[in-house]
């Protein structure tokens, strides 16, 4: 992770976009179910030492998803571009040892669907596309 870029992005987001002074505002941050402890420690150090936030809380996004549904317990399935993660949440806590991550995501589904359709002879044409024009005058 490029933490220098993240520091710049966070500082610019808080001060310029949201127009808040981090020294006056407690922050809540989210993290994925499968986390990197080093990144969390680095984030905490940066927020307290450089931005001087008065308080902070880091919460896992699946827990917030269950809370958004009005529940404390549930199973959250997050599917992205490259992977799908299934996280059980019990009484507001993720069960770390039960988290499943599969390297199947939206890109895999798209590729499989394209192969299936091309085997049937159906041509898949993107909604928006560009055609290259090649000029024959040496350009």
N, C-alpha and C. Protein backbone atom coordinates (compact mmCIF):
# COMPACT_ATOMS: atom_id res chain seq x y z
N UNK A 1 0.85 -1.19 0.00
CA UNK A 1 0.00 0.00 0.00
C UNK A 1 0.89 1.24 0.00
N UNK A 2 0.55 2.18 -0.85
CA UNK A 2 1.28 3.44 -0.91
C UNK A 2 0.74 4.37 0.17
N UNK A 3 1.36 4.33 1.34
CA UNK A 3 0.83 5.09 2.48
C UNK A 3 1.06 6.59 2.33
N UNK A 4 2.11 6.99 1.61
CA UNK A 4 2.33 8.43 1.39
C UNK A 4 1.16 9.03 0.61
N UNK A 5 0.70 8.32 -0.42
CA UNK A 5 -0.45 8.80 -1.19
C UNK A 5 -1.70 8.83 -0.32
N UNK A 6 -1.87 7.79 0.51
CA UNK A 6 -3.04 7.73 1.38
C UNK A 6 -3.06 8.90 2.36
N UNK A 7 -1.90 9.24 2.92
CA UNK A 7 -1.81 10.39 3.83
C UNK A 7 -2.24 11.66 3.12
N UNK A 8 -1.72 11.86 1.92
CA UNK A 8 -2.08 13.06 1.14
C UNK A 8 -3.57 13.08 0.83
N UNK A 9 -4.10 11.94 0.41
CA UNK A 9 -5.52 11.83 0.06
C UNK A 9 -6.40 12.10 1.28
N UNK A 10 -6.07 11.50 2.42
CA UNK A 10 -6.87 11.69 3.63
C UNK A 10 -6.84 13.13 4.11
N UNK A 11 -5.66 13.71 4.13
CA UNK A 11 -5.53 15.11 4.57
C UNK A 11 -6.31 16.05 3.66
N UNK A 12 -6.18 15.84 2.34
CA UNK A 12 -6.91 16.70 1.38
C UNK A 12 -8.42 16.49 1.49
N UNK A 13 -8.85 15.24 1.67
CA UNK A 13 -10.28 14.95 1.78
C UNK A 13 -10.89 15.62 3.01
N UNK A 14 -10.22 15.50 4.13
CA UNK A 14 -10.78 16.05 5.37
C UNK A 14 -10.76 17.57 5.36
N UNK A 15 -9.62 18.15 5.01
CA UNK A 15 -9.49 19.61 5.13
C UNK A 15 -10.14 20.38 3.98
N UNK A 16 -9.97 19.92 2.74
CA UNK A 16 -10.47 20.68 1.60
C UNK A 16 -11.87 20.25 1.15
N UNK A 17 -12.08 18.95 0.99
CA UNK A 17 -13.38 18.51 0.49
C UNK A 17 -14.47 18.59 1.55
N UNK A 18 -14.20 18.03 2.72
CA UNK A 18 -15.21 18.05 3.79
C UNK A 18 -15.15 19.32 4.63
N UNK A 19 -14.07 20.06 4.51
CA UNK A 19 -13.86 21.32 5.23
C UNK A 19 -14.05 21.16 6.73
N UNK A 20 -13.37 20.15 7.28
CA UNK A 20 -13.39 19.97 8.73
C UNK A 20 -11.97 19.98 9.25
N UNK A 21 -11.83 20.36 10.49
CA UNK A 21 -10.54 20.34 11.14
C UNK A 21 -10.44 19.01 11.89
N UNK A 22 -9.52 18.11 11.49
CA UNK A 22 -9.43 16.80 12.13
C UNK A 22 -9.14 16.87 13.63
N UNK A 23 -8.56 17.98 14.10
CA UNK A 23 -8.25 18.11 15.52
C UNK A 23 -9.51 18.28 16.36
N UNK A 24 -10.62 18.64 15.72
CA UNK A 24 -11.88 18.86 16.44
C UNK A 24 -12.88 17.73 16.25
N UNK A 25 -12.58 16.76 15.37
CA UNK A 25 -13.59 15.78 14.98
C UNK A 25 -13.12 14.35 15.22
N UNK A 26 -13.86 13.58 16.00
CA UNK A 26 -13.55 12.14 16.09
C UNK A 26 -13.86 11.47 14.75
N UNK A 27 -13.11 10.44 14.39
CA UNK A 27 -13.28 9.77 13.10
C UNK A 27 -13.66 8.31 13.29
N UNK A 28 -14.49 7.82 12.38
CA UNK A 28 -14.75 6.39 12.28
C UNK A 28 -14.24 5.94 10.92
N UNK A 29 -13.44 4.89 10.92
CA UNK A 29 -12.85 4.36 9.69
C UNK A 29 -13.33 2.93 9.52
N UNK A 30 -13.43 2.49 8.28
CA UNK A 30 -13.82 1.11 8.01
C UNK A 30 -12.64 0.36 7.41
N UNK A 31 -12.66 -0.95 7.60
CA UNK A 31 -11.64 -1.80 6.99
C UNK A 31 -12.31 -3.07 6.50
N UNK A 32 -11.64 -3.78 5.62
CA UNK A 32 -12.20 -5.02 5.10
C UNK A 32 -12.17 -6.09 6.19
N UNK A 33 -12.89 -7.16 5.95
CA UNK A 33 -12.94 -8.25 6.93
C UNK A 33 -11.58 -8.89 7.12
N UNK A 34 -10.87 -9.08 6.02
CA UNK A 34 -9.50 -9.60 6.10
C UNK A 34 -8.58 -8.39 6.08
N UNK A 35 -7.96 -8.12 7.19
CA UNK A 35 -7.20 -6.89 7.34
C UNK A 35 -5.72 -7.17 7.51
N UNK A 36 -4.96 -6.11 7.42
CA UNK A 36 -3.53 -6.15 7.64
C UNK A 36 -3.25 -5.34 8.90
N UNK A 37 -2.80 -5.99 9.93
CA UNK A 37 -2.59 -5.33 11.22
C UNK A 37 -1.59 -4.18 11.12
N UNK A 38 -0.57 -4.34 10.28
CA UNK A 38 0.42 -3.29 10.11
C UNK A 38 -0.21 -2.01 9.55
N UNK A 39 -1.11 -2.17 8.57
CA UNK A 39 -1.78 -1.00 7.99
C UNK A 39 -2.64 -0.31 9.04
N UNK A 40 -3.33 -1.09 9.87
CA UNK A 40 -4.17 -0.50 10.91
C UNK A 40 -3.32 0.28 11.91
N UNK A 41 -2.19 -0.27 12.31
CA UNK A 41 -1.31 0.42 13.25
C UNK A 41 -0.74 1.69 12.64
N UNK A 42 -0.36 1.62 11.36
CA UNK A 42 0.16 2.80 10.68
C UNK A 42 -0.89 3.89 10.56
N UNK A 43 -2.13 3.49 10.25
CA UNK A 43 -3.23 4.44 10.15
C UNK A 43 -3.50 5.10 11.50
N UNK A 44 -3.52 4.31 12.55
CA UNK A 44 -3.76 4.84 13.89
C UNK A 44 -2.67 5.83 14.29
N UNK A 45 -1.43 5.44 14.02
CA UNK A 45 -0.31 6.33 14.34
C UNK A 45 -0.43 7.65 13.57
N UNK A 46 -0.74 7.57 12.28
CA UNK A 46 -0.87 8.78 11.47
C UNK A 46 -1.99 9.67 11.98
N UNK A 47 -3.15 9.09 12.27
CA UNK A 47 -4.30 9.89 12.70
C UNK A 47 -4.04 10.59 14.03
N UNK A 48 -3.44 9.90 14.97
CA UNK A 48 -3.20 10.51 16.28
C UNK A 48 -2.00 11.46 16.29
N UNK A 49 -0.91 11.08 15.62
CA UNK A 49 0.30 11.89 15.71
C UNK A 49 0.35 13.05 14.72
N UNK A 50 -0.09 12.82 13.48
CA UNK A 50 0.01 13.88 12.47
C UNK A 50 -1.25 14.73 12.39
N UNK A 51 -2.43 14.08 12.34
CA UNK A 51 -3.68 14.84 12.22
C UNK A 51 -4.22 15.27 13.58
N UNK A 52 -3.72 14.67 14.65
CA UNK A 52 -4.12 15.02 16.02
C UNK A 52 -5.62 14.88 16.26
N UNK A 53 -6.22 13.79 15.77
CA UNK A 53 -7.64 13.56 16.01
C UNK A 53 -7.86 13.26 17.49
N UNK A 54 -8.99 13.71 18.06
CA UNK A 54 -9.24 13.47 19.48
C UNK A 54 -9.62 12.02 19.78
N UNK A 55 -10.28 11.35 18.83
CA UNK A 55 -10.69 9.96 19.02
C UNK A 55 -10.92 9.33 17.66
N UNK A 56 -10.80 8.01 17.61
CA UNK A 56 -11.06 7.30 16.36
C UNK A 56 -11.55 5.90 16.68
N UNK A 57 -12.26 5.32 15.69
CA UNK A 57 -12.75 3.96 15.82
C UNK A 57 -12.63 3.30 14.47
N UNK A 58 -12.05 2.11 14.44
CA UNK A 58 -11.94 1.35 13.20
C UNK A 58 -12.90 0.18 13.29
N UNK A 59 -13.79 0.08 12.32
CA UNK A 59 -14.80 -0.97 12.32
C UNK A 59 -14.72 -1.74 11.01
N UNK A 60 -15.03 -3.00 11.06
CA UNK A 60 -15.03 -3.82 9.85
C UNK A 60 -16.31 -3.54 9.06
N UNK A 61 -16.18 -3.44 7.74
CA UNK A 61 -17.33 -3.10 6.90
C UNK A 61 -18.46 -4.12 6.96
N UNK A 62 -18.22 -5.44 7.11
CA UNK A 62 -19.36 -6.36 7.24
C UNK A 62 -20.21 -6.10 8.48
N UNK A 63 -19.58 -5.67 9.57
CA UNK A 63 -20.33 -5.34 10.79
C UNK A 63 -21.25 -4.16 10.53
N UNK A 64 -20.72 -3.15 9.84
CA UNK A 64 -21.55 -1.98 9.52
C UNK A 64 -22.67 -2.36 8.55
N UNK A 65 -22.43 -3.32 7.67
CA UNK A 65 -23.49 -3.78 6.75
C UNK A 65 -24.63 -4.44 7.51
N UNK A 66 -24.29 -5.26 8.50
CA UNK A 66 -25.36 -5.89 9.29
C UNK A 66 -26.11 -4.84 10.11
N UNK A 67 -25.39 -3.88 10.67
CA UNK A 67 -26.05 -2.81 11.43
C UNK A 67 -26.98 -2.00 10.53
N UNK A 68 -26.57 -1.77 9.27
CA UNK A 68 -27.39 -1.00 8.33
C UNK A 68 -28.70 -1.72 8.04
N UNK A 69 -28.71 -3.04 8.18
CA UNK A 69 -29.94 -3.82 7.97
C UNK A 69 -30.74 -3.98 9.25
N UNK A 70 -30.28 -3.34 10.33
CA UNK A 70 -30.99 -3.42 11.59
C UNK A 70 -30.74 -4.72 12.35
N UNK A 71 -29.64 -5.38 12.06
CA UNK A 71 -29.31 -6.65 12.69
C UNK A 71 -27.94 -6.56 13.37
N UNK A 72 -27.71 -7.47 14.31
CA UNK A 72 -26.39 -7.60 14.91
C UNK A 72 -25.70 -8.87 14.47
N UNK A 73 -26.48 -9.80 13.93
CA UNK A 73 -25.95 -11.10 13.51
C UNK A 73 -26.39 -11.36 12.08
N UNK A 74 -25.47 -11.89 11.28
CA UNK A 74 -25.80 -12.22 9.90
C UNK A 74 -24.58 -12.69 9.14
N UNK A 75 -24.77 -12.98 7.88
CA UNK A 75 -23.69 -13.35 6.99
C UNK A 75 -23.64 -12.31 5.88
N UNK A 76 -22.49 -11.72 5.67
CA UNK A 76 -22.32 -10.68 4.67
C UNK A 76 -21.47 -11.24 3.54
N UNK A 77 -21.97 -11.12 2.31
CA UNK A 77 -21.24 -11.56 1.13
C UNK A 77 -20.88 -10.32 0.32
N UNK A 78 -19.58 -10.09 0.18
CA UNK A 78 -19.08 -8.96 -0.59
C UNK A 78 -18.42 -9.52 -1.84
N UNK A 79 -18.92 -9.10 -2.98
CA UNK A 79 -18.36 -9.58 -4.24
C UNK A 79 -17.83 -8.39 -5.01
N UNK A 80 -16.57 -8.48 -5.39
CA UNK A 80 -15.93 -7.39 -6.10
C UNK A 80 -15.45 -7.82 -7.47
N UNK A 81 -14.50 -7.10 -7.99
CA UNK A 81 -13.97 -7.35 -9.33
C UNK A 81 -13.22 -8.68 -9.40
N UNK A 82 -12.38 -8.95 -8.41
CA UNK A 82 -11.52 -10.13 -8.48
C UNK A 82 -11.83 -11.19 -7.45
N UNK A 83 -12.51 -10.86 -6.35
CA UNK A 83 -12.76 -11.87 -5.34
C UNK A 83 -14.11 -11.67 -4.66
N UNK A 84 -14.55 -12.72 -3.96
CA UNK A 84 -15.77 -12.69 -3.18
C UNK A 84 -15.42 -13.13 -1.76
N UNK A 85 -15.90 -12.38 -0.79
CA UNK A 85 -15.59 -12.65 0.61
C UNK A 85 -16.89 -12.85 1.38
N UNK A 86 -16.98 -13.95 2.13
CA UNK A 86 -18.14 -14.25 2.94
C UNK A 86 -17.73 -14.13 4.40
N UNK A 87 -18.43 -13.25 5.15
CA UNK A 87 -18.06 -12.98 6.53
C UNK A 87 -19.25 -13.19 7.46
N UNK A 88 -19.12 -14.10 8.43
CA UNK A 88 -20.17 -14.23 9.43
C UNK A 88 -19.98 -13.17 10.52
N UNK A 89 -21.08 -12.56 10.93
CA UNK A 89 -21.06 -11.56 11.99
C UNK A 89 -21.99 -12.04 13.10
N UNK A 90 -21.48 -12.06 14.33
CA UNK A 90 -22.28 -12.50 15.47
C UNK A 90 -22.22 -11.45 16.57
N UNK A 91 -23.37 -10.92 16.94
CA UNK A 91 -23.48 -9.87 17.97
C UNK A 91 -22.53 -8.70 17.73
N UNK A 92 -22.39 -8.30 16.47
CA UNK A 92 -21.58 -7.13 16.14
C UNK A 92 -20.09 -7.40 16.00
N UNK A 93 -19.68 -8.66 16.02
CA UNK A 93 -18.27 -9.00 15.85
C UNK A 93 -18.11 -9.97 14.69
N UNK A 94 -17.04 -9.78 13.91
CA UNK A 94 -16.78 -10.73 12.83
C UNK A 94 -16.11 -11.97 13.42
N UNK A 95 -16.47 -13.11 12.89
CA UNK A 95 -15.83 -14.36 13.30
C UNK A 95 -14.66 -14.59 12.36
N UNK A 96 -13.48 -14.11 12.76
CA UNK A 96 -12.30 -14.07 11.90
C UNK A 96 -11.93 -15.43 11.32
N UNK A 97 -12.04 -16.49 12.11
CA UNK A 97 -11.61 -17.81 11.64
C UNK A 97 -12.58 -18.42 10.64
N UNK A 98 -13.76 -17.84 10.51
CA UNK A 98 -14.78 -18.39 9.61
C UNK A 98 -14.91 -17.62 8.30
N UNK A 99 -14.09 -16.61 8.09
CA UNK A 99 -14.16 -15.80 6.87
C UNK A 99 -13.64 -16.62 5.70
N UNK A 100 -14.40 -16.63 4.61
CA UNK A 100 -14.01 -17.33 3.39
C UNK A 100 -13.77 -16.31 2.28
N UNK A 101 -12.65 -16.44 1.62
CA UNK A 101 -12.34 -15.57 0.49
C UNK A 101 -12.04 -16.44 -0.71
N UNK A 102 -12.76 -16.23 -1.78
CA UNK A 102 -12.60 -16.98 -3.01
C UNK A 102 -12.14 -16.03 -4.11
N UNK A 103 -11.27 -16.51 -4.95
CA UNK A 103 -10.76 -15.70 -6.05
C UNK A 103 -11.73 -15.73 -7.24
N UNK A 104 -12.99 -15.57 -6.94
CA UNK A 104 -14.02 -15.51 -7.97
C UNK A 104 -14.77 -14.20 -7.78
N UNK A 105 -14.80 -13.38 -8.81
CA UNK A 105 -15.48 -12.10 -8.70
C UNK A 105 -16.18 -11.75 -9.99
N UNK A 106 -16.51 -10.51 -10.13
CA UNK A 106 -17.25 -10.03 -11.29
C UNK A 106 -16.54 -10.27 -12.61
N UNK A 107 -15.22 -10.15 -12.61
CA UNK A 107 -14.48 -10.36 -13.85
C UNK A 107 -14.57 -11.81 -14.30
N UNK A 108 -14.52 -12.76 -13.34
CA UNK A 108 -14.64 -14.18 -13.69
C UNK A 108 -16.02 -14.49 -14.28
N UNK A 109 -17.04 -13.92 -13.70
CA UNK A 109 -18.40 -14.13 -14.19
C UNK A 109 -18.54 -13.57 -15.60
N UNK A 110 -18.00 -12.40 -15.82
CA UNK A 110 -18.05 -11.78 -17.15
C UNK A 110 -17.32 -12.63 -18.19
N UNK A 111 -16.13 -13.12 -17.84
CA UNK A 111 -15.36 -13.95 -18.76
C UNK A 111 -16.09 -15.25 -19.10
N UNK A 112 -16.66 -15.91 -18.09
CA UNK A 112 -17.40 -17.16 -18.32
C UNK A 112 -18.62 -16.94 -19.21
N UNK A 113 -19.34 -15.83 -18.97
CA UNK A 113 -20.52 -15.51 -19.77
C UNK A 113 -20.13 -15.24 -21.22
N UNK A 114 -19.03 -14.52 -21.43
CA UNK A 114 -18.56 -14.26 -22.80
C UNK A 114 -18.20 -15.55 -23.52
N UNK A 115 -17.49 -16.45 -22.82
CA UNK A 115 -17.13 -17.73 -23.44
C UNK A 115 -18.37 -18.53 -23.80
N UNK A 116 -19.34 -18.57 -22.89
CA UNK A 116 -20.56 -19.31 -23.12
C UNK A 116 -21.31 -18.77 -24.34
N UNK A 117 -21.43 -17.45 -24.42
CA UNK A 117 -22.15 -16.84 -25.53
C UNK A 117 -21.40 -17.00 -26.85
N UNK A 118 -20.07 -16.92 -26.80
CA UNK A 118 -19.31 -17.07 -28.05
C UNK A 118 -19.38 -18.50 -28.57
N UNK A 119 -19.48 -19.50 -27.68
CA UNK A 119 -19.63 -20.89 -28.12
C UNK A 119 -20.97 -21.10 -28.82
N UNK A 120 -21.97 -20.33 -28.42
CA UNK A 120 -23.28 -20.42 -29.06
C UNK A 120 -23.38 -19.56 -30.31
N UNK A 121 -22.31 -18.84 -30.62
CA UNK A 121 -22.31 -18.02 -31.83
C UNK A 121 -22.87 -16.63 -31.63
N UNK A 122 -23.08 -16.22 -30.41
CA UNK A 122 -23.59 -14.88 -30.13
C UNK A 122 -22.42 -13.94 -29.94
N UNK A 123 -22.40 -12.87 -30.73
CA UNK A 123 -21.32 -11.90 -30.61
C UNK A 123 -21.68 -10.88 -29.54
N UNK A 124 -20.76 -10.65 -28.64
CA UNK A 124 -20.98 -9.67 -27.57
C UNK A 124 -20.35 -8.37 -28.00
N UNK A 125 -21.18 -7.35 -28.13
CA UNK A 125 -20.71 -6.02 -28.53
C UNK A 125 -20.93 -5.09 -27.36
N UNK A 126 -19.86 -4.45 -26.88
CA UNK A 126 -20.04 -3.51 -25.77
C UNK A 126 -20.96 -2.36 -26.15
N UNK A 127 -21.66 -1.83 -25.17
CA UNK A 127 -22.59 -0.73 -25.43
C UNK A 127 -21.84 0.49 -25.95
N UNK A 128 -20.69 0.75 -25.36
CA UNK A 128 -19.88 1.88 -25.80
C UNK A 128 -18.54 1.34 -26.27
N UNK A 129 -18.16 1.65 -27.47
CA UNK A 129 -16.90 1.16 -27.99
C UNK A 129 -16.31 2.17 -28.96
N UNK A 130 -15.06 1.95 -29.27
CA UNK A 130 -14.36 2.83 -30.19
C UNK A 130 -13.74 1.98 -31.28
N UNK A 131 -13.82 2.45 -32.50
CA UNK A 131 -13.18 1.76 -33.61
C UNK A 131 -11.94 2.53 -34.00
N UNK A 132 -10.88 1.79 -34.29
CA UNK A 132 -9.66 2.41 -34.75
C UNK A 132 -9.75 2.64 -36.25
N UNK A 133 -9.28 3.78 -36.66
CA UNK A 133 -9.18 4.06 -38.08
C UNK A 133 -7.72 4.15 -38.44
N UNK A 134 -7.32 3.39 -39.40
CA UNK A 134 -5.93 3.43 -39.83
C UNK A 134 -5.88 4.14 -41.18
N UNK A 135 -5.08 5.16 -41.22
CA UNK A 135 -4.96 5.90 -42.47
C UNK A 135 -3.86 5.28 -43.32
N UNK A 136 -4.06 5.29 -44.60
CA UNK A 136 -3.08 4.65 -45.50
C UNK A 136 -2.07 5.65 -46.07
N UNK A 137 -2.13 6.90 -45.64
CA UNK A 137 -1.23 7.90 -46.22
C UNK A 137 0.06 8.04 -45.41
N UNK A 138 0.49 6.93 -44.77
CA UNK A 138 1.76 6.97 -44.07
C UNK A 138 1.67 7.51 -42.66
N UNK A 139 0.47 7.87 -42.21
CA UNK A 139 0.31 8.42 -40.86
C UNK A 139 0.01 7.37 -39.83
